[in-house]
Amino acid sequence: MSKYSGKLGQLYQAYSQLVCQWPVDRLRPTHCYNAVLKRQMNNKFDKISAMHGEKVNLEMAAVENEIAALENLTKSKYKARYPVSTDMEDPVSNKGYYKKLLNSIDEAVKLNKNTSLRVD
């Protein structure tokens, strides 16, 4: 149950559900972006609950925009809308480069080695 009531409570619940869906970074399991989002969310909603007047409506509108952005990211909307072309994935100058790179990163994760950033 939310500690906030009304529309603010509904927004808190929606935001919280999206934050829980945020994936764990396999390359950096000790750096949890999910926890950062939760902390920011709680701070944001505590500040909004202490506000009065028109400022509350403006902040809730901003939160609605953030919720929409988080939904787009968690559902991979942009990955589906803007797929990477085959030419980009497999350049003529270095066939199989990205597949080999991703495989080496996955292997390093399995072996728990420090690696560079991998973004899916």
PDB file of N, CA and C in Angstrom:
ATOM      1  N   MET A   1       0.842  -1.186   0.000  1.00  0.00           N
ATOM      2  CA  MET A   1       0.000   0.000   0.000  1.00  0.00           C
ATOM      3  C   MET A   1       0.885   1.247   0.000  1.00  0.00           C
ATOM      4  N   SER A   2       0.482   2.218  -0.776  1.00  0.00           N
ATOM      5  CA  SER A   2       1.255   3.448  -0.932  1.00  0.00           C
ATOM      6  C   SER A   2       1.048   4.375   0.263  1.00  0.00           C
ATOM      7  N   LYS A   3       2.087   5.101   0.602  1.00  0.00           N
ATOM      8  CA  LYS A   3       1.963   6.080   1.688  1.00  0.00           C
ATOM      9  C   LYS A   3       1.382   7.389   1.177  1.00  0.00           C
ATOM     10  N   TYR A   4       1.119   7.462  -0.121  1.00  0.00           N
ATOM     11  CA  TYR A   4       0.537   8.653  -0.739  1.00  0.00           C
ATOM     12  C   TYR A   4      -0.893   8.332  -1.167  1.00  0.00           C
ATOM     13  N   SER A   5      -1.737   9.347  -1.181  1.00  0.00           N
ATOM     14  CA  SER A   5      -3.137   9.114  -1.530  1.00  0.00           C
ATOM     15  C   SER A   5      -3.505   9.832  -2.824  1.00  0.00           C
ATOM     16  N   GLY A   6      -4.642   9.453  -3.369  1.00  0.00           N
ATOM     17  CA  GLY A   6      -5.161  10.104  -4.568  1.00  0.00           C
ATOM     18  C   GLY A   6      -4.283   9.890  -5.785  1.00  0.00           C
ATOM     19  N   LYS A   7      -4.223  10.927  -6.611  1.00  0.00           N
ATOM     20  CA  LYS A   7      -3.461  10.845  -7.854  1.00  0.00           C
ATOM     21  C   LYS A   7      -1.974  10.634  -7.580  1.00  0.00           C
ATOM     22  N   LEU A   8      -1.459  11.256  -6.535  1.00  0.00           N
ATOM     23  CA  LEU A   8      -0.047  11.090  -6.191  1.00  0.00           C
ATOM     24  C   LEU A   8       0.247   9.626  -5.851  1.00  0.00           C
ATOM     25  N   GLY A   9      -0.675   8.971  -5.171  1.00  0.00           N
ATOM     26  CA  GLY A   9      -0.521   7.551  -4.852  1.00  0.00           C
ATOM     27  C   GLY A   9      -0.527   6.685  -6.098  1.00  0.00           C
ATOM     28  N   GLN A  10      -1.389   7.027  -7.053  1.00  0.00           N
ATOM     29  CA  GLN A  10      -1.435   6.277  -8.317  1.00  0.00           C
ATOM     30  C   GLN A  10      -0.136   6.450  -9.097  1.00  0.00           C
ATOM     31  N   LEU A  11       0.369   7.679  -9.125  1.00  0.00           N
ATOM     32  CA  LEU A  11       1.634   7.936  -9.817  1.00  0.00           C
ATOM     33  C   LEU A  11       2.787   7.203  -9.134  1.00  0.00           C
ATOM     34  N   TYR A  12       2.773   7.201  -7.808  1.00  0.00           N
ATOM     35  CA  TYR A  12       3.823   6.506  -7.057  1.00  0.00           C
ATOM     36  C   TYR A  12       3.811   5.015  -7.378  1.00  0.00           C
ATOM     37  N   GLN A  13       2.624   4.437  -7.424  1.00  0.00           N
ATOM     38  CA  GLN A  13       2.501   3.008  -7.711  1.00  0.00           C
ATOM     39  C   GLN A  13       2.989   2.692  -9.128  1.00  0.00           C
ATOM     40  N   ALA A  14       2.606   3.514 -10.103  1.00  0.00           N
ATOM     41  CA  ALA A  14       3.039   3.300 -11.489  1.00  0.00           C
ATOM     42  C   ALA A  14       4.554   3.436 -11.606  1.00  0.00           C
ATOM     43  N   TYR A  15       5.112   4.459 -10.985  1.00  0.00           N
ATOM     44  CA  TYR A  15       6.562   4.699 -11.016  1.00  0.00           C
ATOM     45  C   TYR A  15       7.291   3.524 -10.364  1.00  0.00           C
ATOM     46  N   SER A  16       6.784   3.089  -9.226  1.00  0.00           N
ATOM     47  CA  SER A  16       7.405   1.999  -8.482  1.00  0.00           C
ATOM     48  C   SER A  16       7.415   0.702  -9.289  1.00  0.00           C
ATOM     49  N   GLN A  17       6.328   0.406  -9.968  1.00  0.00           N
ATOM     50  CA  GLN A  17       6.262  -0.806 -10.796  1.00  0.00           C
ATOM     51  C   GLN A  17       7.290  -0.763 -11.917  1.00  0.00           C
ATOM     52  N   LEU A  18       7.458   0.400 -12.532  1.00  0.00           N
ATOM     53  CA  LEU A  18       8.436   0.532 -13.610  1.00  0.00           C
ATOM     54  C   LEU A  18       9.866   0.404 -13.088  1.00  0.00           C
ATOM     55  N   VAL A  19      10.130   0.983 -11.936  1.00  0.00           N
ATOM     56  CA  VAL A  19      11.470   0.889 -11.349  1.00  0.00           C
ATOM     57  C   VAL A  19      11.804  -0.574 -11.038  1.00  0.00           C
ATOM     58  N   CYS A  20      10.818  -1.333 -10.587  1.00  0.00           N
ATOM     59  CA  CYS A  20      11.047  -2.753 -10.288  1.00  0.00           C
ATOM     60  C   CYS A  20      11.352  -3.562 -11.548  1.00  0.00           C
ATOM     61  N   GLN A  21      10.909  -3.084 -12.701  1.00  0.00           N
ATOM     62  CA  GLN A  21      11.162  -3.780 -13.966  1.00  0.00           C
ATOM     63  C   GLN A  21      12.535  -3.466 -14.545  1.00  0.00           C
ATOM     64  N   TRP A  22      13.242  -2.490 -13.964  1.00  0.00           N
ATOM     65  CA  TRP A  22      14.528  -2.086 -14.519  1.00  0.00           C
ATOM     66  C   TRP A  22      15.507  -3.256 -14.427  1.00  0.00           C
ATOM     67  N   PRO A  23      16.171  -3.592 -15.523  1.00  0.00           N
ATOM     68  CA  PRO A  23      17.049  -4.773 -15.516  1.00  0.00           C
ATOM     69  C   PRO A  23      18.336  -4.558 -14.716  1.00  0.00           C
ATOM     70  N   VAL A  24      18.878  -5.648 -14.232  1.00  0.00           N
ATOM     71  CA  VAL A  24      20.151  -5.628 -13.515  1.00  0.00           C
ATOM     72  C   VAL A  24      21.271  -5.588 -14.546  1.00  0.00           C
ATOM     73  N   ASP A  25      22.277  -4.792 -14.280  1.00  0.00           N
ATOM     74  CA  ASP A  25      23.436  -4.708 -15.164  1.00  0.00           C
ATOM     75  C   ASP A  25      24.364  -5.870 -14.833  1.00  0.00           C
ATOM     76  N   ARG A  26      24.437  -6.834 -15.748  1.00  0.00           N
ATOM     77  CA  ARG A  26      25.249  -8.027 -15.501  1.00  0.00           C
ATOM     78  C   ARG A  26      26.738  -7.703 -15.433  1.00  0.00           C
ATOM     79  N   LEU A  27      27.142  -6.634 -16.089  1.00  0.00           N
ATOM     80  CA  LEU A  27      28.558  -6.266 -16.068  1.00  0.00           C
ATOM     81  C   LEU A  27      28.967  -5.617 -14.757  1.00  0.00           C
ATOM     82  N   ARG A  28      28.029  -4.923 -14.129  1.00  0.00           N
ATOM     83  CA  ARG A  28      28.320  -4.240 -12.872  1.00  0.00           C
ATOM     84  C   ARG A  28      27.244  -4.596 -11.848  1.00  0.00           C
ATOM     85  N   PRO A  29      27.249  -5.814 -11.351  1.00  0.00           N
ATOM     86  CA  PRO A  29      26.197  -6.226 -10.416  1.00  0.00           C
ATOM     87  C   PRO A  29      26.220  -5.459  -9.099  1.00  0.00           C
ATOM     88  N   THR A  30      27.348  -4.825  -8.776  1.00  0.00           N
ATOM     89  CA  THR A  30      27.421  -4.054  -7.531  1.00  0.00           C
ATOM     90  C   THR A  30      26.892  -2.628  -7.700  1.00  0.00           C
ATOM     91  N   HIS A  31      26.667  -2.208  -8.931  1.00  0.00           N
ATOM     92  CA  HIS A  31      26.123  -0.879  -9.208  1.00  0.00           C
ATOM     93  C   HIS A  31      24.684  -1.047  -9.674  1.00  0.00           C
ATOM     94  N   CYS A  32      23.766  -0.851  -8.771  1.00  0.00           N
ATOM     95  CA  CYS A  32      22.358  -1.128  -9.049  1.00  0.00           C
ATOM     96  C   CYS A  32      21.609   0.171  -9.385  1.00  0.00           C
ATOM     97  N   TYR A  33      21.352   0.371 -10.675  1.00  0.00           N
ATOM     98  CA  TYR A  33      20.628   1.570 -11.094  1.00  0.00           C
ATOM     99  C   TYR A  33      19.199   1.542 -10.568  1.00  0.00           C
ATOM    100  N   ASN A  34      18.664   0.361 -10.380  1.00  0.00           N
ATOM    101  CA  ASN A  34      17.335   0.200  -9.813  1.00  0.00           C
ATOM    102  C   ASN A  34      17.252   0.879  -8.444  1.00  0.00           C
ATOM    103  N   ALA A  35      18.263   0.692  -7.615  1.00  0.00           N
ATOM    104  CA  ALA A  35      18.290   1.311  -6.282  1.00  0.00           C
ATOM    105  C   ALA A  35      18.384   2.824  -6.382  1.00  0.00           C
ATOM    106  N   VAL A  36      19.147   3.315  -7.353  1.00  0.00           N
ATOM    107  CA  VAL A  36      19.262   4.763  -7.568  1.00  0.00           C
ATOM    108  C   VAL A  36      17.905   5.334  -7.956  1.00  0.00           C
ATOM    109  N   LEU A  37      17.214   4.659  -8.869  1.00  0.00           N
ATOM    110  CA  LEU A  37      15.883   5.117  -9.287  1.00  0.00           C
ATOM    111  C   LEU A  37      14.908   5.117  -8.114  1.00  0.00           C
ATOM    112  N   LYS A  38      14.954   4.087  -7.273  1.00  0.00           N
ATOM    113  CA  LYS A  38      14.063   4.023  -6.108  1.00  0.00           C
ATOM    114  C   LYS A  38      14.325   5.183  -5.152  1.00  0.00           C
ATOM    115  N   ARG A  39      15.602   5.450  -4.904  1.00  0.00           N
ATOM    116  CA  ARG A  39      15.965   6.544  -3.992  1.00  0.00           C
ATOM    117  C   ARG A  39      15.486   7.885  -4.546  1.00  0.00           C
ATOM    118  N   GLN A  40      15.732   8.121  -5.837  1.00  0.00           N
ATOM    119  CA  GLN A  40      15.279   9.364  -6.465  1.00  0.00           C
ATOM    120  C   GLN A  40      13.759   9.462  -6.440  1.00  0.00           C
ATOM    121  N   MET A  41      13.090   8.343  -6.692  1.00  0.00           N
ATOM    122  CA  MET A  41      11.634   8.323  -6.691  1.00  0.00           C
ATOM    123  C   MET A  41      11.099   8.708  -5.313  1.00  0.00           C
ATOM    124  N   ASN A  42      11.633   8.096  -4.267  1.00  0.00           N
ATOM    125  CA  ASN A  42      11.156   8.400  -2.916  1.00  0.00           C
ATOM    126  C   ASN A  42      11.402   9.858  -2.547  1.00  0.00           C
ATOM    127  N   ASN A  43      12.572  10.385  -2.884  1.00  0.00           N
ATOM    128  CA  ASN A  43      12.857  11.800  -2.618  1.00  0.00           C
ATOM    129  C   ASN A  43      11.886  12.703  -3.366  1.00  0.00           C
ATOM    130  N   LYS A  44      11.656  12.384  -4.624  1.00  0.00           N
ATOM    131  CA  LYS A  44      10.766  13.190  -5.466  1.00  0.00           C
ATOM    132  C   LYS A  44       9.341  13.209  -4.902  1.00  0.00           C
ATOM    133  N   PHE A  45       8.821  12.041  -4.542  1.00  0.00           N
ATOM    134  CA  PHE A  45       7.449  11.977  -4.053  1.00  0.00           C
ATOM    135  C   PHE A  45       7.309  12.582  -2.661  1.00  0.00           C
ATOM    136  N   ASP A  46       8.326  12.482  -1.830  1.00  0.00           N
ATOM    137  CA  ASP A  46       8.287  13.149  -0.522  1.00  0.00           C
ATOM    138  C   ASP A  46       8.216  14.667  -0.698  1.00  0.00           C
ATOM    139  N   LYS A  47       9.000  15.202  -1.638  1.00  0.00           N
ATOM    140  CA  LYS A  47       8.977  16.649  -1.899  1.00  0.00           C
ATOM    141  C   LYS A  47       7.622  17.084  -2.445  1.00  0.00           C
ATOM    142  N   ILE A  48       7.071  16.296  -3.366  1.00  0.00           N
ATOM    143  CA  ILE A  48       5.775  16.653  -3.956  1.00  0.00           C
ATOM    144  C   ILE A  48       4.687  16.628  -2.889  1.00  0.00           C
ATOM    145  N   SER A  49       4.724  15.639  -1.997  1.00  0.00           N
ATOM    146  CA  SER A  49       3.681  15.543  -0.966  1.00  0.00           C
ATOM    147  C   SER A  49       3.733  16.716   0.008  1.00  0.00           C
ATOM    148  N   ALA A  50       4.880  17.382   0.113  1.00  0.00           N
ATOM    149  CA  ALA A  50       5.013  18.542   1.003  1.00  0.00           C
ATOM    150  C   ALA A  50       4.649  19.857   0.310  1.00  0.00           C
ATOM    151  N   MET A  51       4.441  19.820  -1.005  1.00  0.00           N
ATOM    152  CA  MET A  51       4.130  21.040  -1.768  1.00  0.00           C
ATOM    153  C   MET A  51       2.651  21.398  -1.662  1.00  0.00           C
ATOM    154  N   HIS A  52       2.354  22.636  -2.068  1.00  0.00           N
ATOM    155  CA  HIS A  52       0.976  23.122  -2.062  1.00  0.00           C
ATOM    156  C   HIS A  52       0.699  23.885  -3.346  1.00  0.00           C
ATOM    157  N   GLY A  53      -0.575  23.967  -3.686  1.00  0.00           N
ATOM    158  CA  GLY A  53      -0.998  24.808  -4.806  1.00  0.00           C
ATOM    159  C   GLY A  53      -0.649  24.262  -6.176  1.00  0.00           C
ATOM    160  N   GLU A  54      -0.467  25.203  -7.094  1.00  0.00           N
ATOM    161  CA  GLU A  54      -0.235  24.875  -8.504  1.00  0.00           C
ATOM    162  C   GLU A  54       1.083  24.131  -8.719  1.00  0.00           C
ATOM    163  N   LYS A  55       2.035  24.341  -7.831  1.00  0.00           N
ATOM    164  CA  LYS A  55       3.334  23.680  -7.974  1.00  0.00           C
ATOM    165  C   LYS A  55       3.185  22.154  -7.929  1.00  0.00           C
ATOM    166  N   VAL A  56       2.229  21.663  -7.150  1.00  0.00           N
ATOM    167  CA  VAL A  56       1.973  20.218  -7.072  1.00  0.00           C
ATOM    168  C   VAL A  56       1.561  19.690  -8.439  1.00  0.00           C
ATOM    169  N   ASN A  57       0.644  20.409  -9.102  1.00  0.00           N
ATOM    170  CA  ASN A  57       0.172  19.971 -10.422  1.00  0.00           C
ATOM    171  C   ASN A  57       1.298  19.964 -11.447  1.00  0.00           C
ATOM    172  N   LEU A  58       2.163  20.971 -11.396  1.00  0.00           N
ATOM    173  CA  LEU A  58       3.294  21.020 -12.321  1.00  0.00           C
ATOM    174  C   LEU A  58       4.250  19.854 -12.084  1.00  0.00           C
ATOM    175  N   GLU A  59       4.531  19.571 -10.836  1.00  0.00           N
ATOM    176  CA  GLU A  59       5.441  18.465 -10.507  1.00  0.00           C
ATOM    177  C   GLU A  59       4.830  17.116 -10.878  1.00  0.00           C
ATOM    178  N   MET A  60       3.516  16.964 -10.662  1.00  0.00           N
ATOM    179  CA  MET A  60       2.870  15.698 -11.024  1.00  0.00           C
ATOM    180  C   MET A  60       2.855  15.512 -12.537  1.00  0.00           C
ATOM    181  N   ALA A  61       2.718  16.592 -13.288  1.00  0.00           N
ATOM    182  CA  ALA A  61       2.794  16.503 -14.751  1.00  0.00           C
ATOM    183  C   ALA A  61       4.196  16.070 -15.179  1.00  0.00           C
ATOM    184  N   ALA A  62       5.212  16.590 -14.506  1.00  0.00           N
ATOM    185  CA  ALA A  62       6.593  16.187 -14.808  1.00  0.00           C
ATOM    186  C   ALA A  62       6.805  14.708 -14.486  1.00  0.00           C
ATOM    187  N   VAL A  63       6.219  14.239 -13.387  1.00  0.00           N
ATOM    188  CA  VAL A  63       6.328  12.827 -13.012  1.00  0.00           C
ATOM    189  C   VAL A  63       5.630  11.950 -14.048  1.00  0.00           C
ATOM    190  N   GLU A  64       4.489  12.400 -14.553  1.00  0.00           N
ATOM    191  CA  GLU A  64       3.793  11.638 -15.601  1.00  0.00           C
ATOM    192  C   GLU A  64       4.675  11.491 -16.839  1.00  0.00           C
ATOM    193  N   ASN A  65       5.402  12.546 -17.182  1.00  0.00           N
ATOM    194  CA  ASN A  65       6.331  12.474 -18.318  1.00  0.00           C
ATOM    195  C   ASN A  65       7.471  11.490 -18.038  1.00  0.00           C
ATOM    196  N   GLU A  66       7.972  11.496 -16.814  1.00  0.00           N
ATOM    197  CA  GLU A  66       9.037  10.553 -16.444  1.00  0.00           C
ATOM    198  C   GLU A  66       8.537   9.117 -16.502  1.00  0.00           C
ATOM    199  N   ILE A  67       7.308   8.899 -16.057  1.00  0.00           N
ATOM    200  CA  ILE A  67       6.718   7.560 -16.104  1.00  0.00           C
ATOM    201  C   ILE A  67       6.601   7.093 -17.551  1.00  0.00           C
ATOM    202  N   ALA A  68       6.156   7.982 -18.429  1.00  0.00           N
ATOM    203  CA  ALA A  68       6.046   7.630 -19.852  1.00  0.00           C
ATOM    204  C   ALA A  68       7.417   7.279 -20.428  1.00  0.00           C
ATOM    205  N   ALA A  69       8.438   8.038 -20.051  1.00  0.00           N
ATOM    206  CA  ALA A  69       9.797   7.767 -20.541  1.00  0.00           C
ATOM    207  C   ALA A  69      10.308   6.424 -20.017  1.00  0.00           C
ATOM    208  N   LEU A  70      10.075   6.144 -18.742  1.00  0.00           N
ATOM    209  CA  LEU A  70      10.498   4.858 -18.180  1.00  0.00           C
ATOM    210  C   LEU A  70       9.773   3.691 -18.844  1.00  0.00           C
ATOM    211  N   GLU A  71       8.478   3.879 -19.133  1.00  0.00           N
ATOM    212  CA  GLU A  71       7.723   2.834 -19.840  1.00  0.00           C
ATOM    213  C   GLU A  71       8.341   2.556 -21.201  1.00  0.00           C
ATOM    214  N   ASN A  72       8.672   3.618 -21.924  1.00  0.00           N
ATOM    215  CA  ASN A  72       9.281   3.455 -23.245  1.00  0.00           C
ATOM    216  C   ASN A  72      10.601   2.698 -23.155  1.00  0.00           C
ATOM    217  N   LEU A  73      11.389   2.995 -22.139  1.00  0.00           N
ATOM    218  CA  LEU A  73      12.682   2.328 -21.984  1.00  0.00           C
ATOM    219  C   LEU A  73      12.534   0.873 -21.547  1.00  0.00           C
ATOM    220  N   THR A  74      11.662   0.607 -20.585  1.00  0.00           N
ATOM    221  CA  THR A  74      11.513  -0.765 -20.097  1.00  0.00           C
ATOM    222  C   THR A  74      10.872  -1.677 -21.135  1.00  0.00           C
ATOM    223  N   LYS A  75      10.083  -1.111 -22.024  1.00  0.00           N
ATOM    224  CA  LYS A  75       9.435  -1.914 -23.074  1.00  0.00           C
ATOM    225  C   LYS A  75      10.230  -1.912 -24.377  1.00  0.00           C
ATOM    226  N   SER A  76      11.428  -1.335 -24.358  1.00  0.00           N
ATOM    227  CA  SER A  76      12.315  -1.281 -25.535  1.00  0.00           C
ATOM    228  C   SER A  76      11.617  -0.698 -26.759  1.00  0.00           C
ATOM    229  N   LYS A  77      10.838   0.345 -26.540  1.00  0.00           N
ATOM    230  CA  LYS A  77      10.092   0.970 -27.635  1.00  0.00           C
ATOM    231  C   LYS A  77      11.020   1.452 -28.751  1.00  0.00           C
ATOM    232  N   TYR A  78      12.101   2.085 -28.383  1.00  0.00           N
ATOM    233  CA  TYR A  78      12.981   2.677 -29.392  1.00  0.00           C
ATOM    234  C   TYR A  78      13.836   1.629 -30.093  1.00  0.00           C
ATOM    235  N   LYS A  79      14.144   0.561 -29.393  1.00  0.00           N
ATOM    236  CA  LYS A  79      14.881  -0.533 -30.029  1.00  0.00           C
ATOM    237  C   LYS A  79      14.028  -1.158 -31.130  1.00  0.00           C
ATOM    238  N   ALA A  80      12.729  -1.266 -30.881  1.00  0.00           N
ATOM    239  CA  ALA A  80      11.818  -1.826 -31.883  1.00  0.00           C
ATOM    240  C   ALA A  80      11.555  -0.826 -33.010  1.00  0.00           C
ATOM    241  N   ARG A  81      11.447   0.444 -32.659  1.00  0.00           N
ATOM    242  CA  ARG A  81      11.127   1.464 -33.658  1.00  0.00           C
ATOM    243  C   ARG A  81      12.304   1.763 -34.579  1.00  0.00           C
ATOM    244  N   TYR A  82      13.500   1.725 -34.040  1.00  0.00           N
ATOM    245  CA  TYR A  82      14.695   2.060 -34.814  1.00  0.00           C
ATOM    246  C   TYR A  82      15.686   0.891 -34.806  1.00  0.00           C
ATOM    247  N   PRO A  83      15.358  -0.175 -35.514  1.00  0.00           N
ATOM    248  CA  PRO A  83      16.265  -1.325 -35.513  1.00  0.00           C
ATOM    249  C   PRO A  83      17.595  -0.990 -36.188  1.00  0.00           C
ATOM    250  N   VAL A  84      18.634  -1.645 -35.729  1.00  0.00           N
ATOM    251  CA  VAL A  84      19.962  -1.450 -36.300  1.00  0.00           C
ATOM    252  C   VAL A  84      20.033  -2.259 -37.592  1.00  0.00           C
ATOM    253  N   SER A  85      20.518  -1.622 -38.647  1.00  0.00           N
ATOM    254  CA  SER A  85      20.584  -2.297 -39.946  1.00  0.00           C
ATOM    255  C   SER A  85      21.660  -3.383 -39.942  1.00  0.00           C
ATOM    256  N   THR A  86      21.515  -4.316 -40.854  1.00  0.00           N
ATOM    257  CA  THR A  86      22.493  -5.391 -40.995  1.00  0.00           C
ATOM    258  C   THR A  86      23.865  -4.830 -41.347  1.00  0.00           C
ATOM    259  N   ASP A  87      23.879  -3.788 -42.179  1.00  0.00           N
ATOM    260  CA  ASP A  87      25.157  -3.166 -42.548  1.00  0.00           C
ATOM    261  C   ASP A  87      25.870  -2.588 -41.330  1.00  0.00           C
ATOM    262  N   MET A  88      25.105  -2.082 -40.400  1.00  0.00           N
ATOM    263  CA  MET A  88      25.693  -1.504 -39.194  1.00  0.00           C
ATOM    264  C   MET A  88      26.150  -2.611 -38.238  1.00  0.00           C
ATOM    265  N   GLU A  89      25.353  -3.669 -38.129  1.00  0.00           N
ATOM    266  CA  GLU A  89      25.689  -4.770 -37.229  1.00  0.00           C
ATOM    267  C   GLU A  89      26.884  -5.587 -37.714  1.00  0.00           C
ATOM    268  N   ASP A  90      27.019  -5.699 -39.021  1.00  0.00           N
ATOM    269  CA  ASP A  90      28.067  -6.546 -39.593  1.00  0.00           C
ATOM    270  C   ASP A  90      28.799  -5.784 -40.696  1.00  0.00           C
ATOM    271  N   PRO A  91      29.680  -4.851 -40.313  1.00  0.00           N
ATOM    272  CA  PRO A  91      30.339  -4.011 -41.318  1.00  0.00           C
ATOM    273  C   PRO A  91      31.240  -4.827 -42.254  1.00  0.00           C
ATOM    274  N   VAL A  92      31.281  -4.396 -43.491  1.00  0.00           N
ATOM    275  CA  VAL A  92      32.086  -5.073 -44.509  1.00  0.00           C
ATOM    276  C   VAL A  92      33.560  -5.069 -44.123  1.00  0.00           C
ATOM    277  N   SER A  93      34.007  -4.002 -43.508  1.00  0.00           N
ATOM    278  CA  SER A  93      35.426  -3.867 -43.170  1.00  0.00           C
ATOM    279  C   SER A  93      35.893  -4.845 -42.092  1.00  0.00           C
ATOM    280  N   ASN A  94      34.944  -5.360 -41.287  1.00  0.00           N
ATOM    281  CA  ASN A  94      35.329  -6.274 -40.209  1.00  0.00           C
ATOM    282  C   ASN A  94      34.157  -7.204 -39.905  1.00  0.00           C
ATOM    283  N   LYS A  95      33.949  -8.173 -40.769  1.00  0.00           N
ATOM    284  CA  LYS A  95      32.816  -9.098 -40.628  1.00  0.00           C
ATOM    285  C   LYS A  95      32.829  -9.785 -39.265  1.00  0.00           C
ATOM    286  N   GLY A  96      31.657  -9.820 -38.640  1.00  0.00           N
ATOM    287  CA  GLY A  96      31.503 -10.513 -37.371  1.00  0.00           C
ATOM    288  C   GLY A  96      32.067  -9.784 -36.165  1.00  0.00           C
ATOM    289  N   TYR A  97      32.507  -8.534 -36.337  1.00  0.00           N
ATOM    290  CA  TYR A  97      33.155  -7.800 -35.243  1.00  0.00           C
ATOM    291  C   TYR A  97      32.248  -7.683 -34.017  1.00  0.00           C
ATOM    292  N   TYR A  98      31.024  -7.233 -34.214  1.00  0.00           N
ATOM    293  CA  TYR A  98      30.147  -6.983 -33.071  1.00  0.00           C
ATOM    294  C   TYR A  98      29.692  -8.274 -32.406  1.00  0.00           C
ATOM    295  N   LYS A  99      29.476  -9.312 -33.184  1.00  0.00           N
ATOM    296  CA  LYS A  99      29.117 -10.597 -32.574  1.00  0.00           C
ATOM    297  C   LYS A  99      30.260 -11.104 -31.703  1.00  0.00           C
ATOM    298  N   LYS A 100      31.485 -10.985 -32.213  1.00  0.00           N
ATOM    299  CA  LYS A 100      32.651 -11.412 -31.428  1.00  0.00           C
ATOM    300  C   LYS A 100      32.798 -10.555 -30.171  1.00  0.00           C
ATOM    301  N   LEU A 101      32.565  -9.259 -30.321  1.00  0.00           N
ATOM    302  CA  LEU A 101      32.665  -8.351 -29.177  1.00  0.00           C
ATOM    303  C   LEU A 101      31.648  -8.717 -28.101  1.00  0.00           C
ATOM    304  N   LEU A 102      30.394  -8.917 -28.503  1.00  0.00           N
ATOM    305  CA  LEU A 102      29.351  -9.280 -27.542  1.00  0.00           C
ATOM    306  C   LEU A 102      29.646 -10.628 -26.896  1.00  0.00           C
ATOM    307  N   ASN A 103      30.122 -11.573 -27.681  1.00  0.00           N
ATOM    308  CA  ASN A 103      30.474 -12.883 -27.122  1.00  0.00           C
ATOM    309  C   ASN A 103      31.601 -12.761 -26.105  1.00  0.00           C
ATOM    310  N   SER A 104      32.596 -11.927 -26.394  1.00  0.00           N
ATOM    311  CA  SER A 104      33.705 -11.758 -25.447  1.00  0.00           C
ATOM    312  C   SER A 104      33.239 -11.077 -24.162  1.00  0.00           C
ATOM    313  N   ILE A 105      32.313 -10.142 -24.276  1.00  0.00           N
ATOM    314  CA  ILE A 105      31.766  -9.491 -23.077  1.00  0.00           C
ATOM    315  C   ILE A 105      30.964 -10.495 -22.263  1.00  0.00           C
ATOM    316  N   ASP A 106      30.114 -11.283 -22.939  1.00  0.00           N
ATOM    317  CA  ASP A 106      29.326 -12.296 -22.231  1.00  0.00           C
ATOM    318  C   ASP A 106      30.233 -13.301 -21.522  1.00  0.00           C
ATOM    319  N   GLU A 107      31.292 -13.709 -22.186  1.00  0.00           N
ATOM    320  CA  GLU A 107      32.241 -14.655 -21.596  1.00  0.00           C
ATOM    321  C   GLU A 107      32.931 -14.034 -20.381  1.00  0.00           C
ATOM    322  N   ALA A 108      33.294 -12.773 -20.479  1.00  0.00           N
ATOM    323  CA  ALA A 108      33.936 -12.084 -19.357  1.00  0.00           C
ATOM    324  C   ALA A 108      32.988 -11.970 -18.170  1.00  0.00           C
ATOM    325  N   VAL A 109      31.708 -11.745 -18.451  1.00  0.00           N
ATOM    326  CA  VAL A 109      30.716 -11.668 -17.372  1.00  0.00           C
ATOM    327  C   VAL A 109      30.624 -13.014 -16.667  1.00  0.00           C
ATOM    328  N   LYS A 110      30.617 -14.086 -17.454  1.00  0.00           N
ATOM    329  CA  LYS A 110      30.549 -15.426 -16.861  1.00  0.00           C
ATOM    330  C   LYS A 110      31.767 -15.703 -15.987  1.00  0.00           C
ATOM    331  N   LEU A 111      32.905 -15.202 -16.415  1.00  0.00           N
ATOM    332  CA  LEU A 111      34.142 -15.412 -15.663  1.00  0.00           C
ATOM    333  C   LEU A 111      34.357 -14.349 -14.592  1.00  0.00           C
ATOM    334  N   ASN A 112      33.399 -13.392 -14.507  1.00  0.00           N
ATOM    335  CA  ASN A 112      33.430 -12.322 -13.512  1.00  0.00           C
ATOM    336  C   ASN A 112      34.669 -11.437 -13.659  1.00  0.00           C
ATOM    337  N   LYS A 113      34.993 -11.100 -14.885  1.00  0.00           N
ATOM    338  CA  LYS A 113      36.113 -10.197 -15.150  1.00  0.00           C
ATOM    339  C   LYS A 113      35.585  -8.780 -15.322  1.00  0.00           C
ATOM    340  N   ASN A 114      36.432  -7.803 -15.073  1.00  0.00           N
ATOM    341  CA  ASN A 114      36.076  -6.414 -15.353  1.00  0.00           C
ATOM    342  C   ASN A 114      36.049  -6.221 -16.858  1.00  0.00           C
ATOM    343  N   THR A 115      34.989  -5.577 -17.349  1.00  0.00           N
ATOM    344  CA  THR A 115      34.835  -5.374 -18.787  1.00  0.00           C
ATOM    345  C   THR A 115      34.386  -3.962 -19.064  1.00  0.00           C
ATOM    346  N   SER A 116      34.399  -3.616 -20.323  1.00  0.00           N
ATOM    347  CA  SER A 116      33.855  -2.325 -20.728  1.00  0.00           C
ATOM    348  C   SER A 116      32.335  -2.433 -20.777  1.00  0.00           C
ATOM    349  N   LEU A 117      31.693  -1.331 -20.978  1.00  0.00           N
ATOM    350  CA  LEU A 117      30.238  -1.248 -20.948  1.00  0.00           C
ATOM    351  C   LEU A 117      29.601  -2.010 -22.090  1.00  0.00           C
ATOM    352  N   ARG A 118      28.567  -2.778 -21.780  1.00  0.00           N
ATOM    353  CA  ARG A 118      27.751  -3.401 -22.812  1.00  0.00           C
ATOM    354  C   ARG A 118      26.329  -2.916 -22.619  1.00  0.00           C
ATOM    355  N   VAL A 119      25.741  -2.387 -23.670  1.00  0.00           N
ATOM    356  CA  VAL A 119      24.370  -1.907 -23.629  1.00  0.00           C
ATOM    357  C   VAL A 119      23.576  -2.727 -24.621  1.00  0.00           C
ATOM    358  N   ASP A 120      22.550  -3.398 -24.158  1.00  0.00           N
ATOM    359  CA  ASP A 120      21.694  -4.180 -25.062  1.00  0.00           C
ATOM    360  C   ASP A 120      20.618  -3.318 -25.646  1.00  0.00           C
TER     361      ASP A 120
END
